[in-house]
Amino acid sequence: MQGGCYCGNLRFEITADPVHKGQCHCRECQYFASGGMNFYFVVPESGFAYTQGTPATFARSDLDNPVTREFCGNCGTPVLTRRPNFPMAIVKAGVLDNPAEYGDSDVAIFMKDAQPFHVLADDKPRFDGMPPRK
């Protein structure tokens, strides 16, 4: 899979299959999705590479173990999130050249923060926070 930001300054390639696909309803993701939920997929870090440009990054300085968000410093498009001590890239589905390659999410997480306008299929597994680890 390939993708990039809105202005084209950042480009990336994914060579690994997603190990997980979901939709996050947490309040933090709502900020980055302009109020909506965040559709994401998780791939091993070794299966994600920028092929053009260098992302800008942001991590909150007031948290003990903040995530690092990578985005285009020119147009602001969020591309991915990296969690501390987690060797995976959490990629935003909307930045794929062909977002249909995403398919469908496996779960919906952080439903405790979901807004009334977040539409979710009735058969989608949902969790108030993170799902239990397998």
Protein backbone atom coordinates (compact mmCIF):
# COMPACT_ATOMS: atom_id res chain seq x y z
CA MET A 1 0.00 0.00 0.00
CA GLN A 2 1.10 3.56 -0.62
CA GLY A 3 -0.08 6.90 0.61
CA GLY A 4 0.77 10.42 1.54
CA CYS A 5 -0.40 13.74 2.85
CA TYR A 6 -2.84 16.15 1.22
CA CYS A 7 -0.18 18.44 -0.33
CA GLY A 8 2.10 15.59 -1.47
CA ASN A 9 5.18 16.55 0.58
CA LEU A 10 5.05 13.27 2.53
CA ARG A 11 4.84 9.89 0.81
CA PHE A 12 5.10 6.43 2.33
CA GLU A 13 4.98 2.75 1.46
CA ILE A 14 3.64 -0.13 3.53
CA THR A 15 5.08 -3.57 2.82
CA ALA A 16 3.53 -5.50 5.73
CA ASP A 17 0.00 -6.72 6.22
CA PRO A 18 -2.00 -4.96 8.95
CA VAL A 19 -2.04 -6.89 12.21
CA HIS A 20 -5.07 -4.98 13.47
CA LYS A 21 -7.64 -2.53 12.08
CA GLY A 22 -9.91 -0.40 14.20
CA GLN A 23 -11.76 2.78 14.80
CA CYS A 24 -10.87 4.88 17.80
CA HIS A 25 -13.43 7.14 19.44
CA CYS A 26 -11.12 8.58 22.14
CA ARG A 27 -11.27 12.31 22.73
CA GLU A 28 -7.68 12.75 21.55
CA CYS A 29 -8.42 11.14 18.17
CA GLN A 30 -11.50 13.35 17.85
CA TYR A 31 -9.21 16.39 17.87
CA PHE A 32 -7.17 14.98 14.97
CA ALA A 33 -10.25 13.82 13.04
CA SER A 34 -12.15 17.12 13.48
CA GLY A 35 -14.72 15.50 15.74
CA GLY A 36 -15.04 12.16 14.01
CA MET A 37 -13.63 8.81 14.92
CA ASN A 38 -10.18 7.79 13.73
CA PHE A 39 -9.94 4.82 11.36
CA TYR A 40 -6.50 3.26 11.78
CA PHE A 41 -4.49 0.13 11.13
CA VAL A 42 -1.41 -1.24 12.81
CA VAL A 43 1.65 -2.50 10.91
CA PRO A 44 5.11 -3.53 12.12
CA GLU A 45 7.53 -0.57 12.07
CA SER A 46 9.71 -2.54 9.65
CA GLY A 47 6.79 -2.59 7.19
CA PHE A 48 6.34 1.20 7.08
CA ALA A 49 8.74 3.63 5.41
CA TYR A 50 8.59 7.23 4.29
CA THR A 51 9.65 7.43 0.64
CA GLN A 52 9.49 11.23 0.38
CA GLY A 53 9.79 13.97 2.96
CA THR A 54 10.28 13.98 6.70
CA PRO A 55 7.27 14.24 9.01
CA ALA A 56 6.84 16.82 11.72
CA THR A 57 6.19 15.28 15.14
CA PHE A 58 4.27 16.17 18.26
CA ALA A 59 4.25 14.58 21.72
CA ARG A 60 2.62 16.16 24.75
CA SER A 61 5.23 17.29 27.27
CA ASP A 62 2.83 17.07 30.23
CA LEU A 63 2.34 13.28 30.02
CA ASP A 64 4.67 10.57 31.36
CA ASN A 65 4.50 8.29 28.28
CA PRO A 66 2.95 10.32 25.48
CA VAL A 67 2.36 9.00 22.00
CA THR A 68 4.19 10.71 19.15
CA ARG A 69 2.05 11.90 16.29
CA GLU A 70 3.62 12.28 12.85
CA PHE A 71 2.10 14.68 10.35
CA CYS A 72 2.92 16.88 7.38
CA GLY A 73 4.50 20.11 8.57
CA ASN A 74 3.20 21.87 5.46
CA CYS A 75 -0.49 20.89 5.15
CA GLY A 76 -1.01 19.36 8.62
CA THR A 77 -2.30 15.97 7.47
CA PRO A 78 -1.99 13.42 10.33
CA VAL A 79 -0.22 10.29 9.05
CA LEU A 80 0.50 8.01 11.99
CA THR A 81 0.94 7.59 15.71
CA ARG A 82 3.75 5.82 17.56
CA ARG A 83 3.29 4.54 21.11
CA PRO A 84 6.26 4.19 23.48
CA ASN A 85 7.65 0.63 23.66
CA PHE A 86 5.33 -0.54 20.88
CA PRO A 87 7.20 -1.60 17.71
CA MET A 88 4.28 -0.84 15.42
CA ALA A 89 3.15 2.11 13.31
CA ILE A 90 -0.48 3.13 13.82
CA VAL A 91 -1.41 4.51 10.41
CA LYS A 92 -4.46 6.64 9.58
CA ALA A 93 -6.61 4.96 6.92
CA GLY A 94 -7.47 8.22 5.17
CA VAL A 95 -3.89 8.83 4.03
CA LEU A 96 -3.81 5.77 1.77
CA ASP A 97 -3.82 6.52 -1.95
CA ASN A 98 -6.70 4.06 -2.16
CA PRO A 99 -8.53 4.20 1.20
CA ALA A 100 -10.73 1.28 0.10
CA GLU A 101 -7.67 -0.94 0.70
CA TYR A 102 -8.38 -0.43 4.40
CA GLY A 103 -11.48 -2.61 4.14
CA ASP A 104 -13.33 -2.58 7.46
CA SER A 105 -12.29 -2.19 11.06
CA ASP A 106 -12.10 -5.15 13.43
CA VAL A 107 -13.19 -3.26 16.56
CA ALA A 108 -14.27 0.09 17.92
CA ILE A 109 -12.28 1.31 20.93
CA PHE A 110 -12.74 4.03 23.53
CA MET A 111 -16.49 4.01 23.09
CA LYS A 112 -16.74 5.75 26.48
CA ASP A 113 -15.72 8.94 24.61
CA ALA A 114 -17.93 8.40 21.53
CA GLN A 115 -20.16 11.26 20.45
CA PRO A 116 -23.83 10.86 19.51
CA PHE A 117 -22.96 11.49 15.84
CA HIS A 118 -20.40 8.65 15.68
CA VAL A 119 -22.23 6.00 13.66
CA LEU A 120 -21.22 2.40 14.35
CA ALA A 121 -22.48 -0.87 12.86
CA ASP A 122 -24.47 -2.88 15.41
CA ASP A 123 -22.32 -6.00 14.93
CA LYS A 124 -18.98 -4.22 15.49
CA PRO A 125 -17.14 -5.42 18.63
CA ARG A 126 -16.74 -2.42 20.92
CA PHE A 127 -14.78 -1.60 24.03
CA ASP A 128 -14.95 1.31 26.48
CA GLY A 129 -11.15 1.50 26.39
CA MET A 130 -8.46 -0.69 24.84
CA PRO A 131 -9.47 -4.29 24.04
CA PRO A 132 -7.93 -7.06 26.13
CA ARG A 133 -4.62 -8.32 24.75
CA LYS A 134 -4.68 -11.78 23.23
